All heavy atoms as atom14 arrays in JSON, in Angstrom:
{
  "sequence": "VDLLERTAQPDPVTSRLLLSAADCLVGNEALDTLFRQQLID",
  "atom14_mask": [
    [1, 1, 1, 1, 1, 1, 1, 0, 0, 0, 0, 0, 0, 0],
    [1, 1, 1, 1, 1, 1, 1, 1, 0, 0, 0, 0, 0, 0],
    [1, 1, 1, 1, 1, 1, 1, 1, 0, 0, 0, 0, 0, 0],
    [1, 1, 1, 1, 1, 1, 1, 1, 0, 0, 0, 0, 0, 0],
    [1, 1, 1, 1, 1, 1, 1, 1, 1, 0, 0, 0, 0, 0],
    [1, 1, 1, 1, 1, 1, 1, 1, 1, 1, 1, 0, 0, 0],
    [1, 1, 1, 1, 1, 1, 1, 0, 0, 0, 0, 0, 0, 0],
    [1, 1, 1, 1, 1, 0, 0, 0, 0, 0, 0, 0, 0, 0],
    [1, 1, 1, 1, 1, 1, 1, 1, 1, 0, 0, 0, 0, 0],
    [1, 1, 1, 1, 1, 1, 1, 0, 0, 0, 0, 0, 0, 0],
    [1, 1, 1, 1, 1, 1, 1, 1, 0, 0, 0, 0, 0, 0],
    [1, 1, 1, 1, 1, 1, 1, 0, 0, 0, 0, 0, 0, 0],
    [1, 1, 1, 1, 1, 1, 1, 0, 0, 0, 0, 0, 0, 0],
    [1, 1, 1, 1, 1, 1, 1, 0, 0, 0, 0, 0, 0, 0],
    [1, 1, 1, 1, 1, 1, 0, 0, 0, 0, 0, 0, 0, 0],
    [1, 1, 1, 1, 1, 1, 1, 1, 1, 1, 1, 0, 0, 0],
    [1, 1, 1, 1, 1, 1, 1, 1, 0, 0, 0, 0, 0, 0],
    [1, 1, 1, 1, 1, 1, 1, 1, 0, 0, 0, 0, 0, 0],
    [1, 1, 1, 1, 1, 1, 1, 1, 0, 0, 0, 0, 0, 0],
    [1, 1, 1, 1, 1, 1, 0, 0, 0, 0, 0, 0, 0, 0],
    [1, 1, 1, 1, 1, 0, 0, 0, 0, 0, 0, 0, 0, 0],
    [1, 1, 1, 1, 1, 0, 0, 0, 0, 0, 0, 0, 0, 0],
    [1, 1, 1, 1, 1, 1, 1, 1, 0, 0, 0, 0, 0, 0],
    [1, 1, 1, 1, 1, 1, 0, 0, 0, 0, 0, 0, 0, 0],
    [1, 1, 1, 1, 1, 1, 1, 1, 0, 0, 0, 0, 0, 0],
    [1, 1, 1, 1, 1, 1, 1, 0, 0, 0, 0, 0, 0, 0],
    [1, 1, 1, 1, 0, 0, 0, 0, 0, 0, 0, 0, 0, 0],
    [1, 1, 1, 1, 1, 1, 1, 1, 0, 0, 0, 0, 0, 0],
    [1, 1, 1, 1, 1, 1, 1, 1, 1, 0, 0, 0, 0, 0],
    [1, 1, 1, 1, 1, 0, 0, 0, 0, 0, 0, 0, 0, 0],
    [1, 1, 1, 1, 1, 1, 1, 1, 0, 0, 0, 0, 0, 0],
    [1, 1, 1, 1, 1, 1, 1, 1, 0, 0, 0, 0, 0, 0],
    [1, 1, 1, 1, 1, 1, 1, 0, 0, 0, 0, 0, 0, 0],
    [1, 1, 1, 1, 1, 1, 1, 1, 0, 0, 0, 0, 0, 0],
    [1, 1, 1, 1, 1, 1, 1, 1, 1, 1, 1, 0, 0, 0],
    [1, 1, 1, 1, 1, 1, 1, 1, 1, 1, 1, 0, 0, 0],
    [1, 1, 1, 1, 1, 1, 1, 1, 1, 0, 0, 0, 0, 0],
    [1, 1, 1, 1, 1, 1, 1, 1, 1, 0, 0, 0, 0, 0],
    [1, 1, 1, 1, 1, 1, 1, 1, 0, 0, 0, 0, 0, 0],
    [1, 1, 1, 1, 1, 1, 1, 1, 0, 0, 0, 0, 0, 0],
    [1, 1, 1, 1, 1, 1, 1, 1, 0, 0, 0, 0, 0, 0]
  ],
  "atom14_positions": [
    [[-8.8, 39.4, -73.24], [-9.62, 38.27, -72.85], [-10.36, 37.77, -74.19], [-11.24, 38.52, -74.67], [-10.63, 38.57, -71.77], [-11.46, 37.38, -71.5], [-9.9, 39.03, -70.54], [0.0, 0.0, 0.0], [0.0, 0.0, 0.0], [0.0, 0.0, 0.0], [0.0, 0.0, 0.0], [0.0, 0.0, 0.0], [0.0, 0.0, 0.0], [0.0, 0.0, 0.0]],
    [[-10.0, 36.68, -74.7], [-10.63, 36.13, -75.91], [-10.95, 34.66, -75.69], [-10.15, 33.77, -76.08], [-9.63, 36.29, -77.09], [-10.18, 35.79, -78.4], [-11.56, 35.67, -78.48], [-9.49, 35.45, -79.31], [0.0, 0.0, 0.0], [0.0, 0.0, 0.0], [0.0, 0.0, 0.0], [0.0, 0.0, 0.0], [0.0, 0.0, 0.0], [0.0, 0.0, 0.0]],
    [[-12.12, 34.39, -74.99], [-12.45, 33.05, -74.65], [-12.82, 32.26, -75.93], [-13.6, 32.69, -76.78], [-13.61, 33.08, -73.71], [-13.87, 31.83, -72.83], [-12.66, 31.57, -71.97], [-15.11, 32.12, -71.95], [0.0, 0.0, 0.0], [0.0, 0.0, 0.0], [0.0, 0.0, 0.0], [0.0, 0.0, 0.0], [0.0, 0.0, 0.0], [0.0, 0.0, 0.0]],
    [[-12.21, 31.06, -75.97], [-12.39, 30.19, -77.15], [-13.69, 29.29, -76.99], [-14.01, 28.93, -75.9], [-11.15, 29.3, -77.32], [-9.87, 29.97, -77.61], [-8.69, 28.97, -77.64], [-9.96, 30.76, -78.89], [0.0, 0.0, 0.0], [0.0, 0.0, 0.0], [0.0, 0.0, 0.0], [0.0, 0.0, 0.0], [0.0, 0.0, 0.0], [0.0, 0.0, 0.0]],
    [[-14.24, 29.02, -78.16], [-15.33, 28.02, -78.14], [-14.74, 26.63, -78.12], [-13.8, 26.31, -78.75], [-16.17, 28.2, -79.5], [-17.42, 27.44, -79.51], [-18.23, 27.78, -80.75], [-19.0, 28.7, -80.78], [-18.07, 27.05, -81.76], [0.0, 0.0, 0.0], [0.0, 0.0, 0.0], [0.0, 0.0, 0.0], [0.0, 0.0, 0.0], [0.0, 0.0, 0.0]],
    [[-15.28, 25.82, -77.2], [-14.82, 24.39, -76.92], [-15.98, 23.38, -77.03], [-17.08, 23.75, -76.53], [-14.11, 24.28, -75.65], [-12.93, 25.16, -75.36], [-11.74, 24.82, -76.25], [-10.47, 25.4, -75.76], [-9.41, 25.41, -76.37], [-9.32, 24.93, -77.65], [-8.19, 25.84, -75.85], [0.0, 0.0, 0.0], [0.0, 0.0, 0.0], [0.0, 0.0, 0.0]],
    [[-15.78, 22.31, -77.69], [-16.78, 21.28, -77.78], [-16.15, 19.95, -77.3], [-15.28, 19.42, -78.02], [-17.29, 21.14, -79.26], [-17.74, 22.4, -79.69], [-18.38, 20.09, -79.34], [0.0, 0.0, 0.0], [0.0, 0.0, 0.0], [0.0, 0.0, 0.0], [0.0, 0.0, 0.0], [0.0, 0.0, 0.0], [0.0, 0.0, 0.0], [0.0, 0.0, 0.0]],
    [[-16.54, 19.51, -76.15], [-16.06, 18.27, -75.59], [-14.54, 18.25, -75.52], [-13.88, 17.36, -75.95], [-16.58, 17.07, -76.34], [0.0, 0.0, 0.0], [0.0, 0.0, 0.0], [0.0, 0.0, 0.0], [0.0, 0.0, 0.0], [0.0, 0.0, 0.0], [0.0, 0.0, 0.0], [0.0, 0.0, 0.0], [0.0, 0.0, 0.0], [0.0, 0.0, 0.0]],
    [[-13.99, 19.39, -75.06], [-12.51, 19.54, -74.96], [-12.01, 18.86, -73.7], [-12.43, 19.16, -72.61], [-12.19, 21.0, -74.88], [-10.68, 21.36, -74.68], [-9.95, 21.24, -76.03], [-10.53, 21.19, -77.1], [-8.61, 21.19, -75.93], [0.0, 0.0, 0.0], [0.0, 0.0, 0.0], [0.0, 0.0, 0.0], [0.0, 0.0, 0.0], [0.0, 0.0, 0.0]],
    [[-11.01, 17.94, -73.81], [-10.44, 17.36, -72.62], [-9.85, 18.41, -71.7], [-8.95, 19.09, -72.05], [-9.38, 16.42, -73.17], [-9.84, 16.02, -74.65], [-10.49, 17.42, -75.07], [0.0, 0.0, 0.0], [0.0, 0.0, 0.0], [0.0, 0.0, 0.0], [0.0, 0.0, 0.0], [0.0, 0.0, 0.0], [0.0, 0.0, 0.0], [0.0, 0.0, 0.0]],
    [[-10.32, 18.49, -70.48], [-9.79, 19.34, -69.5], [-10.2, 18.85, -68.14], [-11.16, 19.37, -67.51], [-10.26, 20.77, -69.75], [-9.59, 21.72, -68.72], [-8.96, 21.32, -67.69], [-9.75, 22.99, -68.93], [0.0, 0.0, 0.0], [0.0, 0.0, 0.0], [0.0, 0.0, 0.0], [0.0, 0.0, 0.0], [0.0, 0.0, 0.0], [0.0, 0.0, 0.0]],
    [[-9.54, 17.8, -67.65], [-10.05, 17.22, -66.38], [-9.96, 18.2, -65.19], [-10.72, 18.05, -64.26], [-9.15, 16.03, -66.15], [-7.92, 16.29, -66.97], [-8.49, 17.09, -68.18], [0.0, 0.0, 0.0], [0.0, 0.0, 0.0], [0.0, 0.0, 0.0], [0.0, 0.0, 0.0], [0.0, 0.0, 0.0], [0.0, 0.0, 0.0], [0.0, 0.0, 0.0]],
    [[-9.08, 19.18, -65.2], [-8.93, 20.12, -64.12], [-10.16, 21.0, -64.02], [-10.81, 21.11, -62.99], [-7.67, 21.03, -64.3], [-7.64, 22.07, -63.21], [-6.39, 20.16, -64.2], [0.0, 0.0, 0.0], [0.0, 0.0, 0.0], [0.0, 0.0, 0.0], [0.0, 0.0, 0.0], [0.0, 0.0, 0.0], [0.0, 0.0, 0.0], [0.0, 0.0, 0.0]],
    [[-10.58, 21.68, -65.12], [-11.79, 22.48, -65.09], [-12.97, 21.6, -64.81], [-13.87, 22.09, -64.1], [-11.89, 23.21, -66.48], [-10.76, 24.01, -66.72], [-13.12, 24.11, -66.54], [0.0, 0.0, 0.0], [0.0, 0.0, 0.0], [0.0, 0.0, 0.0], [0.0, 0.0, 0.0], [0.0, 0.0, 0.0], [0.0, 0.0, 0.0], [0.0, 0.0, 0.0]],
    [[-13.05, 20.46, -65.4], [-14.25, 19.57, -65.24], [-14.38, 19.22, -63.76], [-15.44, 19.27, -63.26], [-14.1, 18.29, -66.1], [-15.14, 17.38, -65.79], [0.0, 0.0, 0.0], [0.0, 0.0, 0.0], [0.0, 0.0, 0.0], [0.0, 0.0, 0.0], [0.0, 0.0, 0.0], [0.0, 0.0, 0.0], [0.0, 0.0, 0.0], [0.0, 0.0, 0.0]],
    [[-13.3, 18.81, -63.17], [-13.35, 18.44, -61.77], [-13.8, 19.55, -60.83], [-14.6, 19.38, -59.94], [-12.07, 17.83, -61.31], [-12.02, 17.15, -59.91], [-10.89, 16.34, -59.75], [-9.59, 17.08, -59.97], [-8.75, 16.85, -60.93], [-9.07, 15.95, -61.88], [-7.65, 17.62, -61.1], [0.0, 0.0, 0.0], [0.0, 0.0, 0.0], [0.0, 0.0, 0.0]],
    [[-13.26, 20.75, -61.1], [-13.61, 21.91, -60.36], [-15.12, 22.25, -60.43], [-15.8, 22.46, -59.39], [-12.75, 23.14, -60.79], [-11.33, 23.24, -60.38], [-10.67, 24.33, -61.05], [-11.19, 23.38, -58.93], [0.0, 0.0, 0.0], [0.0, 0.0, 0.0], [0.0, 0.0, 0.0], [0.0, 0.0, 0.0], [0.0, 0.0, 0.0], [0.0, 0.0, 0.0]],
    [[-15.61, 22.26, -61.61], [-16.97, 22.64, -61.86], [-17.94, 21.57, -61.29], [-18.98, 21.93, -60.7], [-17.24, 22.86, -63.37], [-18.58, 23.45, -63.81], [-18.98, 24.64, -62.9], [-18.62, 23.79, -65.22], [0.0, 0.0, 0.0], [0.0, 0.0, 0.0], [0.0, 0.0, 0.0], [0.0, 0.0, 0.0], [0.0, 0.0, 0.0], [0.0, 0.0, 0.0]],
    [[-17.65, 20.34, -61.46], [-18.55, 19.18, -61.0], [-18.55, 19.27, -59.44], [-19.56, 18.86, -58.81], [-18.03, 17.84, -61.44], [-18.24, 17.54, -62.9], [-17.67, 16.2, -63.26], [-19.77, 17.61, -63.32], [0.0, 0.0, 0.0], [0.0, 0.0, 0.0], [0.0, 0.0, 0.0], [0.0, 0.0, 0.0], [0.0, 0.0, 0.0], [0.0, 0.0, 0.0]],
    [[-17.47, 19.72, -58.82], [-17.48, 19.79, -57.34], [-18.49, 20.82, -56.86], [-18.92, 20.71, -55.7], [-16.06, 20.2, -56.82], [-15.8, 21.53, -57.18], [0.0, 0.0, 0.0], [0.0, 0.0, 0.0], [0.0, 0.0, 0.0], [0.0, 0.0, 0.0], [0.0, 0.0, 0.0], [0.0, 0.0, 0.0], [0.0, 0.0, 0.0], [0.0, 0.0, 0.0]],
    [[-18.86, 21.76, -57.67], [-19.93, 22.76, -57.28], [-21.24, 22.14, -57.08], [-22.06, 22.65, -56.33], [-19.98, 23.84, -58.25], [0.0, 0.0, 0.0], [0.0, 0.0, 0.0], [0.0, 0.0, 0.0], [0.0, 0.0, 0.0], [0.0, 0.0, 0.0], [0.0, 0.0, 0.0], [0.0, 0.0, 0.0], [0.0, 0.0, 0.0], [0.0, 0.0, 0.0]],
    [[-21.5, 21.03, -57.72], [-22.88, 20.39, -57.64], [-23.2, 19.99, -56.2], [-24.37, 19.87, -55.87], [-22.93, 19.14, -58.59], [0.0, 0.0, 0.0], [0.0, 0.0, 0.0], [0.0, 0.0, 0.0], [0.0, 0.0, 0.0], [0.0, 0.0, 0.0], [0.0, 0.0, 0.0], [0.0, 0.0, 0.0], [0.0, 0.0, 0.0], [0.0, 0.0, 0.0]],
    [[-22.21, 19.7, -55.44], [-22.46, 19.25, -54.06], [-22.53, 20.46, -53.11], [-22.78, 20.27, -51.87], [-21.26, 18.33, -53.54], [-21.23, 17.03, -54.31], [-22.29, 16.53, -54.76], [-20.11, 16.52, -54.44], [0.0, 0.0, 0.0], [0.0, 0.0, 0.0], [0.0, 0.0, 0.0], [0.0, 0.0, 0.0], [0.0, 0.0, 0.0], [0.0, 0.0, 0.0]],
    [[-22.32, 21.59, -53.57], [-22.37, 22.82, -52.71], [-23.36, 23.86, -53.18], [-23.12, 25.04, -53.1], [-20.95, 23.49, -52.65], [-19.77, 22.43, -51.84], [0.0, 0.0, 0.0], [0.0, 0.0, 0.0], [0.0, 0.0, 0.0], [0.0, 0.0, 0.0], [0.0, 0.0, 0.0], [0.0, 0.0, 0.0], [0.0, 0.0, 0.0], [0.0, 0.0, 0.0]],
    [[-24.46, 23.43, -53.69], [-25.55, 24.29, -54.09], [-26.62, 24.46, -52.98], [-27.37, 25.41, -52.96], [-26.29, 23.81, -55.33], [-25.36, 23.7, -56.63], [-26.22, 23.21, -57.73], [-24.69, 25.1, -56.94], [0.0, 0.0, 0.0], [0.0, 0.0, 0.0], [0.0, 0.0, 0.0], [0.0, 0.0, 0.0], [0.0, 0.0, 0.0], [0.0, 0.0, 0.0]],
    [[-26.51, 23.6, -52.04], [-27.45, 23.68, -50.87], [-26.72, 23.1, -49.66], [-25.84, 22.22, -49.86], [-28.79, 23.03, -51.02], [-29.61, 23.66, -52.06], [-28.6, 21.51, -51.36], [0.0, 0.0, 0.0], [0.0, 0.0, 0.0], [0.0, 0.0, 0.0], [0.0, 0.0, 0.0], [0.0, 0.0, 0.0], [0.0, 0.0, 0.0], [0.0, 0.0, 0.0]],
    [[-27.07, 23.51, -48.45], [-26.43, 22.88, -47.27], [-26.24, 23.83, -46.18], [-26.86, 23.91, -45.14], [0.0, 0.0, 0.0], [0.0, 0.0, 0.0], [0.0, 0.0, 0.0], [0.0, 0.0, 0.0], [0.0, 0.0, 0.0], [0.0, 0.0, 0.0], [0.0, 0.0, 0.0], [0.0, 0.0, 0.0], [0.0, 0.0, 0.0], [0.0, 0.0, 0.0]],
    [[-25.18, 24.75, -46.34], [-24.87, 25.72, -45.35], [-24.54, 27.06, -46.11], [-23.62, 27.16, -46.87], [-23.55, 25.32, -44.54], [-23.21, 26.27, -43.48], [-22.77, 27.39, -43.74], [-23.34, 25.82, -42.19], [0.0, 0.0, 0.0], [0.0, 0.0, 0.0], [0.0, 0.0, 0.0], [0.0, 0.0, 0.0], [0.0, 0.0, 0.0], [0.0, 0.0, 0.0]],
    [[-25.36, 28.09, -45.82], [-25.33, 29.27, -46.6], [-23.96, 29.93, -46.69], [-23.41, 30.26, -47.72], [-26.36, 30.3, -46.15], [-26.41, 31.56, -47.01], [-27.49, 32.45, -46.59], [-28.35, 32.13, -45.78], [-27.52, 33.61, -47.21], [0.0, 0.0, 0.0], [0.0, 0.0, 0.0], [0.0, 0.0, 0.0], [0.0, 0.0, 0.0], [0.0, 0.0, 0.0]],
    [[-23.32, 30.11, -45.48], [-22.07, 30.84, -45.44], [-20.95, 29.97, -46.12], [-20.17, 30.51, -46.93], [-21.62, 31.04, -44.0], [0.0, 0.0, 0.0], [0.0, 0.0, 0.0], [0.0, 0.0, 0.0], [0.0, 0.0, 0.0], [0.0, 0.0, 0.0], [0.0, 0.0, 0.0], [0.0, 0.0, 0.0], [0.0, 0.0, 0.0], [0.0, 0.0, 0.0]],
    [[-20.89, 28.71, -45.81], [-19.83, 27.85, -46.41], [-20.06, 27.75, -47.89], [-19.15, 27.83, -48.67], [-19.9, 26.41, -45.77], [-19.19, 26.29, -44.43], [-19.43, 24.89, -43.83], [-17.68, 26.43, -44.62], [0.0, 0.0, 0.0], [0.0, 0.0, 0.0], [0.0, 0.0, 0.0], [0.0, 0.0, 0.0], [0.0, 0.0, 0.0], [0.0, 0.0, 0.0]],
    [[-21.32, 27.45, -48.32], [-21.58, 27.25, -49.72], [-21.25, 28.53, -50.57], [-20.74, 28.44, -51.65], [-23.04, 26.82, -49.95], [-23.31, 25.4, -49.41], [-22.36, 24.72, -49.04], [-24.41, 25.04, -49.32], [0.0, 0.0, 0.0], [0.0, 0.0, 0.0], [0.0, 0.0, 0.0], [0.0, 0.0, 0.0], [0.0, 0.0, 0.0], [0.0, 0.0, 0.0]],
    [[-21.73, 29.68, -49.97], [-21.44, 30.97, -50.73], [-19.98, 31.26, -50.87], [-19.5, 31.59, -51.94], [-22.14, 32.1, -49.94], [-23.6, 31.82, -49.89], [-21.9, 33.42, -50.69], [0.0, 0.0, 0.0], [0.0, 0.0, 0.0], [0.0, 0.0, 0.0], [0.0, 0.0, 0.0], [0.0, 0.0, 0.0], [0.0, 0.0, 0.0], [0.0, 0.0, 0.0]],
    [[-19.24, 31.06, -49.83], [-17.78, 31.35, -49.81], [-17.12, 30.33, -50.81], [-16.21, 30.79, -51.6], [-17.14, 31.24, -48.44], [-15.77, 31.61, -48.27], [-15.54, 33.1, -48.68], [-15.32, 31.5, -46.82], [0.0, 0.0, 0.0], [0.0, 0.0, 0.0], [0.0, 0.0, 0.0], [0.0, 0.0, 0.0], [0.0, 0.0, 0.0], [0.0, 0.0, 0.0]],
    [[-17.58, 29.04, -50.78], [-16.91, 28.13, -51.71], [-17.22, 28.48, -53.1], [-16.34, 28.45, -54.06], [-17.57, 26.73, -51.44], [-17.06, 25.64, -52.4], [-15.8, 25.08, -52.27], [-17.9, 25.25, -53.46], [-15.4, 24.17, -53.22], [-17.4, 24.31, -54.32], [-16.25, 23.72, -54.21], [0.0, 0.0, 0.0], [0.0, 0.0, 0.0], [0.0, 0.0, 0.0]],
    [[-18.46, 28.89, -53.46], [-18.87, 29.27, -54.79], [-18.04, 30.52, -55.27], [-17.54, 30.54, -56.4], [-20.32, 29.47, -55.01], [-21.17, 28.27, -54.96], [-22.59, 28.59, -55.35], [-23.19, 29.59, -54.53], [-23.95, 29.34, -53.45], [-23.99, 28.0, -53.04], [-24.48, 30.25, -52.81], [0.0, 0.0, 0.0], [0.0, 0.0, 0.0], [0.0, 0.0, 0.0]],
    [[-17.91, 31.46, -54.37], [-17.14, 32.65, -54.76], [-15.72, 32.34, -55.11], [-15.15, 32.79, -56.07], [-17.26, 33.7, -53.68], [-18.68, 34.29, -53.52], [-18.84, 35.18, -52.26], [-17.97, 35.12, -51.44], [-19.94, 35.85, -52.32], [0.0, 0.0, 0.0], [0.0, 0.0, 0.0], [0.0, 0.0, 0.0], [0.0, 0.0, 0.0], [0.0, 0.0, 0.0]],
    [[-15.08, 31.52, -54.27], [-13.7, 31.12, -54.55], [-13.67, 30.25, -55.83], [-12.71, 30.45, -56.61], [-13.13, 30.31, -53.42], [-12.9, 31.02, -52.12], [-12.28, 30.22, -51.03], [-12.39, 30.54, -49.84], [-11.68, 29.15, -51.4], [0.0, 0.0, 0.0], [0.0, 0.0, 0.0], [0.0, 0.0, 0.0], [0.0, 0.0, 0.0], [0.0, 0.0, 0.0]],
    [[-14.65, 29.36, -55.98], [-14.66, 28.47, -57.15], [-14.73, 29.32, -58.5], [-14.07, 29.05, -59.42], [-15.73, 27.49, -57.09], [-15.89, 26.51, -58.24], [-14.66, 25.61, -58.27], [-17.08, 25.65, -58.04], [0.0, 0.0, 0.0], [0.0, 0.0, 0.0], [0.0, 0.0, 0.0], [0.0, 0.0, 0.0], [0.0, 0.0, 0.0], [0.0, 0.0, 0.0]],
    [[-15.71, 30.3, -58.49], [-15.88, 31.14, -59.68], [-14.58, 31.83, -60.09], [-14.22, 31.82, -61.23], [-17.06, 32.13, -59.4], [-18.39, 31.34, -59.41], [-17.03, 33.13, -60.53], [-19.54, 32.18, -58.87], [0.0, 0.0, 0.0], [0.0, 0.0, 0.0], [0.0, 0.0, 0.0], [0.0, 0.0, 0.0], [0.0, 0.0, 0.0], [0.0, 0.0, 0.0]],
    [[-13.86, 32.35, -59.07], [-12.63, 33.05, -59.3], [-11.57, 32.13, -59.81], [-10.78, 32.37, -60.73], [-12.09, 33.75, -58.06], [-12.83, 35.11, -57.83], [-13.81, 35.33, -58.57], [-12.39, 35.83, -56.89], [0.0, 0.0, 0.0], [0.0, 0.0, 0.0], [0.0, 0.0, 0.0], [0.0, 0.0, 0.0], [0.0, 0.0, 0.0], [0.0, 0.0, 0.0]]
  ]
}
């Protein structure tokens, strides 16, 4: 595992996945927690 440093690197897949988390930080504890755990993996 050798994670690279990136500066404004085009990657719409990662960007879209991470931005989707902004809508699941509050709302329903069970759903939000399960979503975040899957998203992190």
